[in-house]
Amino acid sequence: HEMGFKVMIDWVANHTAWDNVWTKEHPEYFVRDSSGKFKPPYDWEDVIQIDHTSIAEQDAMIDAMKFWITECDIDGFRCDLAHLTPLPFWKKARTILDKVKPLFWLAESEEINYHEVFDASYTWEFLHKMEAFWRGETNISGLDSVLYKYDTVFPPGAIRLFFTTNHDENSHSGSEYERMGDAVKTFAVFCATWGGIPLIYSGQELPNKKRLKFFEKDPIKWTGRNELHDFYKTLLNLHSTHPALRAGDENVKTYRLKTSDDEHVFSYLRKNGDREVLVILNLSPRHNLHIALTDEKVTGKFKNVFSGTIKVFDTGDSLVMQPWEWFVFEK
């Protein structure tokens, strides 16, 4: 807090380790099989399933969550696999805990109705659509279809968390470089500038290109030059300071823009009053792609966020883009 950070803690409400203190003090808090033994959820043999029907268990868990607020002054919870725990529990927990301190609630879930409780949720569907795009299994229209769904199906004010990797994806499916190849940085720009908030995983600023072991200690090698430090610093600074990128702000408007090559270029304008962020992404391996912005919404003087150069846009102005290149302008 003294350094300006907000602190969130990961909370796994659905299951615990086999040696959790409750297994001895309150075995009735767990689901058990016909022989009375603790039962793992699914085939996850390293954990055991909590019985969410137990009111005593619910109250005990909420009390445990309260400890981290009263004793450690945390600012929110990132709730692991939130949809595996019934929504009524989360409603009860937030009602009680927000009276102690107003918190930020992030669901590792994409269940729409969980936004009745949670402020933000993961965008798993779009992550997999980006991966499919890199594999050539979908196109820009496919990306747009998911974003349209997010805008029309999720409730107003629902904040979405965009990312190119996280601990699950890295260990189980491979690093973002395995899954997205040359498109990694281009999609990272998208995740930091589209409506929502970006997630950056440990080691992305290196970049870390190896799969980290999931159940064993496997430290990231923090040696040498952090090649993408400035890249992510620029994006995150823009996201945290520019009013046109403010998540959950009803004054922010997002406009998909027409270009002279919408088959290969994905462009959009984020706007809050007279403050704007213009993003142009070449989602292709094409060299020397001449792009004209044909949308009348793009006018005036902008600054290139990465180079600092100034560009004045008029309708029909063109740019030349290299494979997977991006431009981010602000005013």
C-alpha atoms as a PDB file:
ATOM      1  CA  HIS A   1       0.000   0.000   0.000  1.00  0.00           C
ATOM      2  CA  GLU A   2       2.852   2.408   0.796  1.00  0.00           C
ATOM      3  CA  MET A   3       4.101   1.868  -2.780  1.00  0.00           C
ATOM      4  CA  GLY A   4       0.702   2.562  -4.318  1.00  0.00           C
ATOM      5  CA  PHE A   5      -0.338  -1.038  -4.909  1.00  0.00           C
ATOM      6  CA  LYS A   6      -3.735  -2.585  -4.310  1.00  0.00           C
ATOM      7  CA  VAL A   7      -3.450  -6.088  -2.863  1.00  0.00           C
ATOM      8  CA  MET A   8      -5.704  -8.990  -3.871  1.00  0.00           C
ATOM      9  CA  ILE A   9      -5.491 -12.510  -2.515  1.00  0.00           C
ATOM     10  CA  ASP A  10      -6.302 -15.703  -4.400  1.00  0.00           C
ATOM     11  CA  TRP A  11      -9.221 -17.535  -2.771  1.00  0.00           C
ATOM     12  CA  VAL A  12     -10.116 -21.150  -3.559  1.00  0.00           C
ATOM     13  CA  ALA A  13     -13.592 -21.714  -2.135  1.00  0.00           C
ATOM     14  CA  ASN A  14     -14.382 -25.032  -3.812  1.00  0.00           C
ATOM     15  CA  HIS A  15     -11.682 -27.351  -2.475  1.00  0.00           C
ATOM     16  CA  THR A  16      -8.750 -27.623  -0.065  1.00  0.00           C
ATOM     17  CA  ALA A  17      -5.576 -29.610   0.426  1.00  0.00           C
ATOM     18  CA  TRP A  18      -5.838 -33.030   2.053  1.00  0.00           C
ATOM     19  CA  ASP A  19      -4.056 -31.714   5.160  1.00  0.00           C
ATOM     20  CA  ASN A  20      -6.256 -28.654   5.652  1.00  0.00           C
ATOM     21  CA  VAL A  21      -6.967 -28.041   9.343  1.00  0.00           C
ATOM     22  CA  TRP A  22     -10.690 -28.516   8.714  1.00  0.00           C
ATOM     23  CA  THR A  23     -10.146 -32.192   7.842  1.00  0.00           C
ATOM     24  CA  LYS A  24      -9.425 -32.799  11.531  1.00  0.00           C
ATOM     25  CA  GLU A  25     -11.478 -30.095  13.232  1.00  0.00           C
ATOM     26  CA  HIS A  26     -14.520 -30.087  10.940  1.00  0.00           C
ATOM     27  CA  PRO A  27     -14.629 -33.133   8.648  1.00  0.00           C
ATOM     28  CA  GLU A  28     -18.349 -32.436   8.186  1.00  0.00           C
ATOM     29  CA  TYR A  29     -17.380 -29.463   5.981  1.00  0.00           C
ATOM     30  CA  PHE A  30     -16.364 -31.830   3.169  1.00  0.00           C
ATOM     31  CA  VAL A  31     -18.096 -34.059   0.634  1.00  0.00           C
ATOM     32  CA  ARG A  32     -17.389 -37.734   1.318  1.00  0.00           C
ATOM     33  CA  ASP A  33     -17.913 -40.936  -0.633  1.00  0.00           C
ATOM     34  CA  SER A  34     -20.014 -43.934   0.412  1.00  0.00           C
ATOM     35  CA  SER A  35     -17.237 -45.196   2.659  1.00  0.00           C
ATOM     36  CA  GLY A  36     -16.908 -41.848   4.427  1.00  0.00           C
ATOM     37  CA  LYS A  37     -13.630 -40.851   2.795  1.00  0.00           C
ATOM     38  CA  PHE A  38     -12.942 -37.358   1.525  1.00  0.00           C
ATOM     39  CA  LYS A  39     -13.673 -36.980  -2.171  1.00  0.00           C
ATOM     40  CA  PRO A  40     -11.673 -35.022  -4.778  1.00  0.00           C
ATOM     41  CA  PRO A  41     -13.545 -32.853  -7.289  1.00  0.00           C
ATOM     42  CA  TYR A  42     -13.287 -34.342 -10.779  1.00  0.00           C
ATOM     43  CA  ASP A  43      -9.952 -36.167 -11.141  1.00  0.00           C
ATOM     44  CA  TRP A  44      -7.988 -33.606  -9.112  1.00  0.00           C
ATOM     45  CA  GLU A  45      -6.397 -36.057  -6.720  1.00  0.00           C
ATOM     46  CA  ASP A  46      -4.347 -33.413  -4.872  1.00  0.00           C
ATOM     47  CA  VAL A  47      -7.412 -31.662  -3.383  1.00  0.00           C
ATOM     48  CA  ILE A  48     -10.750 -32.518  -1.747  1.00  0.00           C
ATOM     49  CA  GLN A  49     -14.240 -31.144  -2.322  1.00  0.00           C
ATOM     50  CA  ILE A  50     -15.910 -28.790   0.144  1.00  0.00           C
ATOM     51  CA  ASP A  51     -19.608 -29.324   0.921  1.00  0.00           C
ATOM     52  CA  HIS A  52     -21.265 -26.054  -0.088  1.00  0.00           C
ATOM     53  CA  THR A  53     -24.627 -27.105   1.381  1.00  0.00           C
ATOM     54  CA  SER A  54     -23.243 -26.771   4.904  1.00  0.00           C
ATOM     55  CA  ILE A  55     -24.284 -23.432   6.415  1.00  0.00           C
ATOM     56  CA  ALA A  56     -21.653 -23.884   9.127  1.00  0.00           C
ATOM     57  CA  GLU A  57     -18.975 -24.307   6.445  1.00  0.00           C
ATOM     58  CA  GLN A  58     -20.170 -21.185   4.622  1.00  0.00           C
ATOM     59  CA  ASP A  59     -19.993 -19.119   7.795  1.00  0.00           C
ATOM     60  CA  ALA A  60     -16.555 -20.505   8.662  1.00  0.00           C
ATOM     61  CA  MET A  61     -15.223 -19.692   5.200  1.00  0.00           C
ATOM     62  CA  ILE A  62     -16.558 -16.153   5.295  1.00  0.00           C
ATOM     63  CA  ASP A  63     -14.943 -15.738   8.699  1.00  0.00           C
ATOM     64  CA  ALA A  64     -11.634 -16.974   7.257  1.00  0.00           C
ATOM     65  CA  MET A  65     -11.934 -14.485   4.401  1.00  0.00           C
ATOM     66  CA  LYS A  66     -12.645 -11.708   6.891  1.00  0.00           C
ATOM     67  CA  PHE A  67      -9.289 -12.383   8.595  1.00  0.00           C
ATOM     68  CA  TRP A  68      -7.393 -11.181   5.522  1.00  0.00           C
ATOM     69  CA  ILE A  69      -9.381  -7.949   5.475  1.00  0.00           C
ATOM     70  CA  THR A  70      -9.180  -7.081   9.165  1.00  0.00           C
ATOM     71  CA  GLU A  71      -5.631  -8.306   9.789  1.00  0.00           C
ATOM     72  CA  CYS A  72      -3.927  -7.645   6.437  1.00  0.00           C
ATOM     73  CA  ASP A  73      -6.114  -4.898   4.921  1.00  0.00           C
ATOM     74  CA  ILE A  74      -6.355  -6.571   1.500  1.00  0.00           C
ATOM     75  CA  ASP A  75      -8.315  -4.827  -1.253  1.00  0.00           C
ATOM     76  CA  GLY A  76      -9.988  -7.729  -3.021  1.00  0.00           C
ATOM     77  CA  PHE A  77     -10.280 -11.403  -3.833  1.00  0.00           C
ATOM     78  CA  ARG A  78      -9.410 -13.286  -7.013  1.00  0.00           C
ATOM     79  CA  CYS A  79     -11.759 -16.246  -6.676  1.00  0.00           C
ATOM     80  CA  ASP A  80     -10.423 -19.431  -8.223  1.00  0.00           C
ATOM     81  CA  LEU A  81     -12.940 -21.317 -10.393  1.00  0.00           C
ATOM     82  CA  ALA A  82     -15.661 -19.176  -8.869  1.00  0.00           C
ATOM     83  CA  HIS A  83     -18.458 -20.914 -10.791  1.00  0.00           C
ATOM     84  CA  LEU A  84     -17.798 -24.213  -8.973  1.00  0.00           C
ATOM     85  CA  THR A  85     -19.057 -22.578  -5.792  1.00  0.00           C
ATOM     86  CA  PRO A  86     -22.801 -21.757  -5.823  1.00  0.00           C
ATOM     87  CA  LEU A  87     -23.687 -18.140  -6.515  1.00  0.00           C
ATOM     88  CA  PRO A  88     -25.735 -17.748  -3.292  1.00  0.00           C
ATOM     89  CA  PHE A  89     -22.563 -18.290  -1.260  1.00  0.00           C
ATOM     90  CA  TRP A  90     -20.775 -15.484  -3.091  1.00  0.00           C
ATOM     91  CA  LYS A  91     -23.766 -13.170  -2.603  1.00  0.00           C
ATOM     92  CA  LYS A  92     -23.708 -13.921   1.107  1.00  0.00           C
ATOM     93  CA  ALA A  93     -19.930 -13.483   1.336  1.00  0.00           C
ATOM     94  CA  ARG A  94     -19.839 -10.160  -0.484  1.00  0.00           C
ATOM     95  CA  THR A  95     -22.774  -8.748   1.475  1.00  0.00           C
ATOM     96  CA  ILE A  96     -20.987  -9.501   4.744  1.00  0.00           C
ATOM     97  CA  LEU A  97     -17.402  -8.705   3.760  1.00  0.00           C
ATOM     98  CA  ASP A  98     -18.044  -5.461   1.895  1.00  0.00           C
ATOM     99  CA  LYS A  99     -19.445  -4.081   5.151  1.00  0.00           C
ATOM    100  CA  VAL A 100     -15.991  -4.606   6.650  1.00  0.00           C
ATOM    101  CA  LYS A 101     -14.288  -2.923   3.682  1.00  0.00           C
ATOM    102  CA  PRO A 102     -15.455  -2.333   0.091  1.00  0.00           C
ATOM    103  CA  LEU A 103     -13.523  -4.856  -2.012  1.00  0.00           C
ATOM    104  CA  PHE A 104     -12.784  -5.620  -5.660  1.00  0.00           C
ATOM    105  CA  TRP A 105     -14.064  -9.070  -6.633  1.00  0.00           C
ATOM    106  CA  LEU A 106     -12.511 -10.938  -9.584  1.00  0.00           C
ATOM    107  CA  ALA A 107     -14.002 -14.250 -10.725  1.00  0.00           C
ATOM    108  CA  GLU A 108     -11.891 -16.811 -12.513  1.00  0.00           C
ATOM    109  CA  SER A 109     -14.981 -17.632 -14.494  1.00  0.00           C
ATOM    110  CA  GLU A 110     -16.934 -16.559 -17.543  1.00  0.00           C
ATOM    111  CA  GLU A 111     -20.414 -17.283 -16.190  1.00  0.00           C
ATOM    112  CA  ILE A 112     -22.524 -14.240 -16.975  1.00  0.00           C
ATOM    113  CA  ASN A 113     -24.777 -14.420 -13.905  1.00  0.00           C
ATOM    114  CA  TYR A 114     -21.783 -14.388 -11.571  1.00  0.00           C
ATOM    115  CA  HIS A 115     -21.509 -10.679 -12.328  1.00  0.00           C
ATOM    116  CA  GLU A 116     -24.429 -10.325  -9.932  1.00  0.00           C
ATOM    117  CA  VAL A 117     -21.620 -10.500  -7.362  1.00  0.00           C
ATOM    118  CA  PHE A 118     -18.287 -10.094  -9.129  1.00  0.00           C
ATOM    119  CA  ASP A 119     -16.872  -6.881 -10.560  1.00  0.00           C
ATOM    120  CA  ALA A 120     -14.646  -8.587 -13.122  1.00  0.00           C
ATOM    121  CA  SER A 121     -14.236 -11.928 -14.881  1.00  0.00           C
ATOM    122  CA  TYR A 122     -11.797 -13.731 -17.152  1.00  0.00           C
ATOM    123  CA  THR A 123     -12.132 -13.752 -20.966  1.00  0.00           C
ATOM    124  CA  TRP A 124     -11.274 -17.392 -21.619  1.00  0.00           C
ATOM    125  CA  GLU A 125     -13.320 -17.524 -24.811  1.00  0.00           C
ATOM    126  CA  PHE A 126     -11.419 -14.644 -26.365  1.00  0.00           C
ATOM    127  CA  LEU A 127      -8.074 -16.101 -25.302  1.00  0.00           C
ATOM    128  CA  HIS A 128      -8.868 -19.300 -27.175  1.00  0.00           C
ATOM    129  CA  LYS A 129     -10.162 -17.306 -30.142  1.00  0.00           C
ATOM    130  CA  MET A 130      -6.811 -15.468 -30.354  1.00  0.00           C
ATOM    131  CA  GLU A 131      -5.038 -18.830 -30.313  1.00  0.00           C
ATOM    132  CA  ALA A 132      -7.355 -20.123 -33.036  1.00  0.00           C
ATOM    133  CA  PHE A 133      -6.621 -16.993 -35.074  1.00  0.00           C
ATOM    134  CA  TRP A 134      -2.893 -17.677 -34.925  1.00  0.00           C
ATOM    135  CA  ARG A 135      -3.497 -21.275 -36.057  1.00  0.00           C
ATOM    136  CA  GLY A 136      -5.490 -20.011 -39.030  1.00  0.00           C
ATOM    137  CA  GLU A 137      -8.756 -21.501 -37.754  1.00  0.00           C
ATOM    138  CA  THR A 138     -10.658 -18.210 -37.588  1.00  0.00           C
ATOM    139  CA  ASN A 139     -10.428 -14.666 -38.916  1.00  0.00           C
ATOM    140  CA  ILE A 140     -11.008 -11.102 -37.745  1.00  0.00           C
ATOM    141  CA  SER A 141     -14.765 -11.632 -37.999  1.00  0.00           C
ATOM    142  CA  GLY A 142     -14.338 -14.487 -35.530  1.00  0.00           C
ATOM    143  CA  LEU A 143     -12.605 -12.158 -33.088  1.00  0.00           C
ATOM    144  CA  ASP A 144     -15.341  -9.576 -33.548  1.00  0.00           C
ATOM    145  CA  SER A 145     -18.063 -12.129 -32.870  1.00  0.00           C
ATOM    146  CA  VAL A 146     -16.723 -12.855 -29.383  1.00  0.00           C
ATOM    147  CA  LEU A 147     -16.262  -9.172 -28.578  1.00  0.00           C
ATOM    148  CA  TYR A 148     -19.805  -8.454 -29.768  1.00  0.00           C
ATOM    149  CA  LYS A 149     -21.067 -11.202 -27.477  1.00  0.00           C
ATOM    150  CA  TYR A 150     -19.188  -9.679 -24.554  1.00  0.00           C
ATOM    151  CA  ASP A 151     -20.696  -6.253 -25.253  1.00  0.00           C
ATOM    152  CA  THR A 152     -24.275  -7.466 -25.667  1.00  0.00           C
ATOM    153  CA  VAL A 153     -24.666 -10.436 -23.315  1.00  0.00           C
ATOM    154  CA  PHE A 154     -22.699  -9.366 -20.251  1.00  0.00           C
ATOM    155  CA  PRO A 155     -24.378  -6.773 -18.009  1.00  0.00           C
ATOM    156  CA  PRO A 156     -23.430  -3.085 -18.255  1.00  0.00           C
ATOM    157  CA  GLY A 157     -20.509  -2.353 -15.978  1.00  0.00           C
ATOM    158  CA  ALA A 158     -19.141  -5.903 -16.101  1.00  0.00           C
ATOM    159  CA  ILE A 159     -15.357  -5.594 -16.291  1.00  0.00           C
ATOM    160  CA  ARG A 160     -13.545  -8.183 -18.397  1.00  0.00           C
ATOM    161  CA  LEU A 161      -9.974  -9.374 -17.805  1.00  0.00           C
ATOM    162  CA  PHE A 162      -7.982  -9.853 -21.033  1.00  0.00           C
ATOM    163  CA  PHE A 163      -4.754 -11.857 -21.172  1.00  0.00           C
ATOM    164  CA  THR A 164      -2.422 -13.800 -23.447  1.00  0.00           C
ATOM    165  CA  THR A 165      -1.253 -16.228 -20.755  1.00  0.00           C
ATOM    166  CA  ASN A 166      -1.541 -17.135 -17.090  1.00  0.00           C
ATOM    167  CA  HIS A 167      -0.336 -19.888 -14.749  1.00  0.00           C
ATOM    168  CA  ASP A 168      -2.768 -22.518 -16.089  1.00  0.00           C
ATOM    169  CA  GLU A 169      -2.196 -21.787 -19.766  1.00  0.00           C
ATOM    170  CA  ASN A 170       1.579 -21.624 -19.453  1.00  0.00           C
ATOM    171  CA  SER A 171       1.926 -24.942 -17.643  1.00  0.00           C
ATOM    172  CA  HIS A 172      -0.783 -26.950 -19.387  1.00  0.00           C
ATOM    173  CA  SER A 173      -0.943 -25.512 -22.912  1.00  0.00           C
ATOM    174  CA  GLY A 174       2.430 -23.836 -23.355  1.00  0.00           C
ATOM    175  CA  SER A 175       3.846 -20.342 -23.237  1.00  0.00           C
ATOM    176  CA  GLU A 176       2.139 -17.630 -25.235  1.00  0.00           C
ATOM    177  CA  TYR A 177       4.895 -18.022 -27.837  1.00  0.00           C
ATOM    178  CA  GLU A 178       3.878 -21.640 -28.397  1.00  0.00           C
ATOM    179  CA  ARG A 179       0.210 -20.688 -28.648  1.00  0.00           C
ATOM    180  CA  MET A 180       0.367 -17.343 -30.485  1.00  0.00           C
ATOM    181  CA  GLY A 181       3.755 -17.170 -32.184  1.00  0.00           C
ATOM    182  CA  ASP A 182       4.558 -13.823 -33.793  1.00  0.00           C
ATOM    183  CA  ALA A 183       1.178 -12.416 -32.746  1.00  0.00           C
ATOM    184  CA  VAL A 184       2.028 -12.346 -29.019  1.00  0.00           C
ATOM    185  CA  LYS A 185       2.908  -8.663 -28.698  1.00  0.00           C
ATOM    186  CA  THR A 186       0.144  -7.599 -31.071  1.00  0.00           C
ATOM    187  CA  PHE A 187      -2.458  -9.369 -28.963  1.00  0.00           C
ATOM    188  CA  ALA A 188      -0.830  -8.001 -25.789  1.00  0.00           C
ATOM    189  CA  VAL A 189      -1.435  -4.504 -27.160  1.00  0.00           C
ATOM    190  CA  PHE A 190      -5.067  -5.444 -27.694  1.00  0.00           C
ATOM    191  CA  CYS A 191      -5.437  -6.815 -24.155  1.00  0.00           C
ATOM    192  CA  ALA A 192      -4.118  -3.570 -22.677  1.00  0.00           C
ATOM    193  CA  THR A 193      -6.208  -1.203 -24.792  1.00  0.00           C
ATOM    194  CA  TRP A 194      -9.604  -2.842 -25.393  1.00  0.00           C
ATOM    195  CA  GLY A 195     -12.425  -2.354 -22.878  1.00  0.00           C
ATOM    196  CA  GLY A 196     -11.489  -4.071 -19.633  1.00  0.00           C
ATOM    197  CA  ILE A 197      -8.295  -4.636 -17.682  1.00  0.00           C
ATOM    198  CA  PRO A 198      -5.120  -6.484 -18.724  1.00  0.00           C
ATOM    199  CA  LEU A 199      -3.535  -9.371 -16.851  1.00  0.00           C
ATOM    200  CA  ILE A 200       0.261  -9.698 -17.001  1.00  0.00           C
ATOM    201  CA  TYR A 201       1.722 -13.020 -15.878  1.00  0.00           C
ATOM    202  CA  SER A 202       5.079 -13.476 -14.156  1.00  0.00           C
ATOM    203  CA  GLY A 203       7.968 -13.453 -16.596  1.00  0.00           C
ATOM    204  CA  GLN A 204       6.202 -11.923 -19.576  1.00  0.00           C
ATOM    205  CA  GLU A 205       8.524  -8.920 -19.379  1.00  0.00           C
ATOM    206  CA  LEU A 206      11.604 -11.154 -19.899  1.00  0.00           C
ATOM    207  CA  PRO A 207      10.066 -12.769 -22.026  1.00  0.00           C
ATOM    208  CA  ASN A 208       9.726 -16.211 -20.436  1.00  0.00           C
ATOM    209  CA  LYS A 209       9.276 -18.767 -23.213  1.00  0.00           C
ATOM    210  CA  LYS A 210       9.316 -21.985 -21.200  1.00  0.00           C
ATOM    211  CA  ARG A 211       6.504 -23.985 -19.669  1.00  0.00           C
ATOM    212  CA  LEU A 212       6.700 -23.746 -15.900  1.00  0.00           C
ATOM    213  CA  LYS A 213       6.091 -26.942 -13.947  1.00  0.00           C
ATOM    214  CA  PHE A 214       2.710 -26.890 -12.241  1.00  0.00           C
ATOM    215  CA  PHE A 215       3.293 -29.029  -9.151  1.00  0.00           C
ATOM    216  CA  GLU A 216       7.019 -28.538  -8.607  1.00  0.00           C
ATOM    217  CA  LYS A 217       9.205 -25.554  -7.810  1.00  0.00           C
ATOM    218  CA  ASP A 218      10.323 -24.184 -11.162  1.00  0.00           C
ATOM    219  CA  PRO A 219      11.695 -20.649 -10.756  1.00  0.00           C
ATOM    220  CA  ILE A 220      11.707 -18.152 -13.581  1.00  0.00           C
ATOM    221  CA  LYS A 221      15.256 -17.257 -14.607  1.00  0.00           C
ATOM    222  CA  TRP A 222      15.454 -13.545 -13.790  1.00  0.00           C
ATOM    223  CA  THR A 223      18.787 -13.003 -15.518  1.00  0.00           C
ATOM    224  CA  GLY A 224      19.931 -10.808 -18.348  1.00  0.00           C
ATOM    225  CA  ARG A 225      18.010  -7.968 -19.916  1.00  0.00           C
ATOM    226  CA  ASN A 226      14.251  -7.746 -19.481  1.00  0.00           C
ATOM    227  CA  GLU A 227      13.602  -7.221 -23.184  1.00  0.00           C
ATOM    228  CA  LEU A 228       9.885  -6.475 -22.908  1.00  0.00           C
ATOM    229  CA  HIS A 229      10.020  -4.394 -19.733  1.00  0.00           C
ATOM    230  CA  ASP A 230       9.564  -1.085 -21.538  1.00  0.00           C
ATOM    231  CA  PHE A 231       6.907  -2.571 -23.834  1.00  0.00           C
ATOM    232  CA  TYR A 232       4.677  -3.636 -20.951  1.00  0.00           C
ATOM    233  CA  LYS A 233       5.533  -0.552 -18.884  1.00  0.00           C
ATOM    234  CA  THR A 234       4.345   1.683 -21.718  1.00  0.00           C
ATOM    235  CA  LEU A 235       1.100  -0.254 -22.129  1.00  0.00           C
ATOM    236  CA  LEU A 236       0.307  -0.443 -18.429  1.00  0.00           C
ATOM    237  CA  ASN A 237       1.148   3.208 -17.834  1.00  0.00           C
ATOM    238  CA  LEU A 238      -1.174   4.180 -20.673  1.00  0.00           C
ATOM    239  CA  HIS A 239      -3.927   1.936 -19.357  1.00  0.00           C
ATOM    240  CA  SER A 240      -3.682   3.233 -15.799  1.00  0.00           C
ATOM    241  CA  THR A 241      -3.512   6.935 -16.665  1.00  0.00           C
ATOM    242  CA  HIS A 242      -5.563   7.511 -19.823  1.00  0.00           C
ATOM    243  CA  PRO A 243      -9.275   8.197 -19.177  1.00  0.00           C
ATOM    244  CA  ALA A 244     -10.288   6.586 -22.490  1.00  0.00           C
ATOM    245  CA  LEU A 245      -9.034   3.218 -21.197  1.00  0.00           C
ATOM    246  CA  ARG A 246     -10.717   3.388 -17.805  1.00  0.00           C
ATOM    247  CA  ALA A 247     -12.515   0.109 -17.113  1.00  0.00           C
ATOM    248  CA  GLY A 248     -16.093   0.256 -15.901  1.00  0.00           C
ATOM    249  CA  ASP A 249     -16.504   3.941 -16.818  1.00  0.00           C
ATOM    250  CA  GLU A 250     -19.835   4.485 -18.580  1.00  0.00           C
ATOM    251  CA  ASN A 251     -18.415   7.612 -20.255  1.00  0.00           C
ATOM    252  CA  VAL A 252     -15.902   5.552 -22.237  1.00  0.00           C
ATOM    253  CA  LYS A 253     -16.997   4.631 -25.753  1.00  0.00           C
ATOM    254  CA  THR A 254     -15.357   2.093 -28.051  1.00  0.00           C
ATOM    255  CA  TYR A 255     -15.640   2.309 -31.842  1.00  0.00           C
ATOM    256  CA  ARG A 256     -14.493  -0.372 -34.267  1.00  0.00           C
ATOM    257  CA  LEU A 257     -13.006   1.467 -37.237  1.00  0.00           C
ATOM    258  CA  LYS A 258     -13.141   0.814 -40.946  1.00  0.00           C
ATOM    259  CA  THR A 259      -9.849   0.638 -42.835  1.00  0.00           C
ATOM    260  CA  SER A 260      -8.833  -0.020 -46.412  1.00  0.00           C
ATOM    261  CA  ASP A 261      -7.948  -3.625 -45.461  1.00  0.00           C
ATOM    262  CA  ASP A 262     -10.311  -4.969 -42.813  1.00  0.00           C
ATOM    263  CA  GLU A 263      -9.363  -8.517 -43.757  1.00  0.00           C
ATOM    264  CA  HIS A 264      -5.941  -8.072 -42.150  1.00  0.00           C
ATOM    265  CA  VAL A 265      -6.209  -4.980 -39.945  1.00  0.00           C
ATOM    266  CA  PHE A 266      -8.077  -4.616 -36.659  1.00  0.00           C
ATOM    267  CA  SER A 267      -8.534  -0.995 -35.615  1.00  0.00           C
ATOM    268  CA  TYR A 268     -10.539   0.791 -32.947  1.00  0.00           C
ATOM    269  CA  LEU A 269     -10.926   4.108 -31.164  1.00  0.00           C
ATOM    270  CA  ARG A 270     -11.469   4.450 -27.393  1.00  0.00           C
ATOM    271  CA  LYS A 271     -12.969   7.779 -26.397  1.00  0.00           C
ATOM    272  CA  ASN A 272     -13.796   9.589 -23.145  1.00  0.00           C
ATOM    273  CA  GLY A 273     -14.873  13.153 -23.807  1.00  0.00           C
ATOM    274  CA  ASP A 274     -12.111  14.757 -25.847  1.00  0.00           C
ATOM    275  CA  ARG A 275      -9.500  12.188 -24.748  1.00  0.00           C
ATOM    276  CA  GLU A 276      -8.886   9.370 -27.241  1.00  0.00           C
ATOM    277  CA  VAL A 277      -6.751   6.284 -27.822  1.00  0.00           C
ATOM    278  CA  LEU A 278      -6.419   5.006 -31.389  1.00  0.00           C
ATOM    279  CA  VAL A 279      -5.190   1.440 -31.950  1.00  0.00           C
ATOM    280  CA  ILE A 280      -4.268  -0.133 -35.298  1.00  0.00           C
ATOM    281  CA  LEU A 281      -3.167  -3.789 -35.394  1.00  0.00           C
ATOM    282  CA  ASN A 282      -1.791  -5.646 -38.395  1.00  0.00           C
ATOM    283  CA  LEU A 283      -3.061  -9.155 -37.678  1.00  0.00           C
ATOM    284  CA  SER A 284      -1.167 -10.730 -40.539  1.00  0.00           C
ATOM    285  CA  PRO A 285       2.351 -11.643 -41.709  1.00  0.00           C
ATOM    286  CA  ARG A 286       2.047  -9.229 -44.644  1.00  0.00           C
ATOM    287  CA  HIS A 287       4.906  -6.814 -45.300  1.00  0.00           C
ATOM    288  CA  ASN A 288       4.538  -3.156 -46.297  1.00  0.00           C
ATOM    289  CA  LEU A 289       0.793  -3.193 -45.802  1.00  0.00           C
ATOM    290  CA  HIS A 290      -0.587   0.196 -46.846  1.00  0.00           C
ATOM    291  CA  ILE A 291      -3.511   1.048 -44.592  1.00  0.00           C
ATOM    292  CA  ALA A 292      -5.898   3.947 -44.990  1.00  0.00           C
ATOM    293  CA  LEU A 293      -8.217   4.878 -42.131  1.00  0.00           C
ATOM    294  CA  THR A 294     -11.560   5.544 -43.780  1.00  0.00           C
ATOM    295  CA  ASP A 295     -13.553   6.340 -40.645  1.00  0.00           C
ATOM    296  CA  GLU A 296     -14.475   9.985 -40.096  1.00  0.00           C
ATOM    297  CA  LYS A 297     -14.198   9.570 -36.316  1.00  0.00           C
ATOM    298  CA  VAL A 298     -10.388   9.697 -36.581  1.00  0.00           C
ATOM    299  CA  THR A 299      -9.302  13.310 -36.909  1.00  0.00           C
ATOM    300  CA  GLY A 300      -6.804  15.651 -35.351  1.00  0.00           C
ATOM    301  CA  LYS A 301      -3.425  15.438 -33.684  1.00  0.00           C
ATOM    302  CA  PHE A 302      -2.317  12.230 -31.941  1.00  0.00           C
ATOM    303  CA  LYS A 303       0.915  11.163 -30.234  1.00  0.00           C
ATOM    304  CA  ASN A 304       2.426   7.745 -30.910  1.00  0.00           C
ATOM    305  CA  VAL A 305       2.595   6.167 -27.446  1.00  0.00           C
ATOM    306  CA  PHE A 306       5.707   4.115 -28.196  1.00  0.00           C
ATOM    307  CA  SER A 307       7.782   6.548 -30.294  1.00  0.00           C
ATOM    308  CA  GLY A 308       6.512   9.886 -29.018  1.00  0.00           C
ATOM    309  CA  THR A 309       6.101  11.228 -32.553  1.00  0.00           C
ATOM    310  CA  ILE A 310       3.112  13.364 -33.496  1.00  0.00           C
ATOM    311  CA  LYS A 311       0.748  12.494 -36.337  1.00  0.00           C
ATOM    312  CA  VAL A 312      -2.165  14.533 -37.638  1.00  0.00           C
ATOM    313  CA  PHE A 313      -4.963  12.375 -39.021  1.00  0.00           C
ATOM    314  CA  ASP A 314      -7.400  13.351 -41.735  1.00  0.00           C
ATOM    315  CA  THR A 315      -9.938  10.996 -43.285  1.00  0.00           C
ATOM    316  CA  GLY A 316      -8.175   8.679 -45.700  1.00  0.00           C
ATOM    317  CA  ASP A 317      -4.672   9.101 -44.247  1.00  0.00           C
ATOM    318  CA  SER A 318      -2.512   6.039 -44.822  1.00  0.00           C
ATOM    319  CA  LEU A 319       0.110   4.145 -42.842  1.00  0.00           C
ATOM    320  CA  VAL A 320       2.566   1.430 -43.820  1.00  0.00           C
ATOM    321  CA  MET A 321       2.633  -1.597 -41.528  1.00  0.00           C
ATOM    322  CA  GLN A 322       4.983  -4.553 -41.216  1.00  0.00           C
ATOM    323  CA  PRO A 323       4.019  -8.104 -40.126  1.00  0.00           C
ATOM    324  CA  TRP A 324       2.096  -8.120 -36.823  1.00  0.00           C
ATOM    325  CA  GLU A 325       2.963  -4.462 -36.269  1.00  0.00           C
ATOM    326  CA  TRP A 326       0.819  -2.176 -34.126  1.00  0.00           C
ATOM    327  CA  PHE A 327       0.297   1.531 -33.685  1.00  0.00           C
ATOM    328  CA  VAL A 328      -1.088   3.058 -30.508  1.00  0.00           C
ATOM    329  CA  PHE A 329      -1.856   6.790 -30.579  1.00  0.00           C
ATOM    330  CA  GLU A 330      -3.269   9.003 -27.839  1.00  0.00           C
ATOM    331  CA  LYS A 331      -4.712  12.473 -27.519  1.00  0.00           C
END
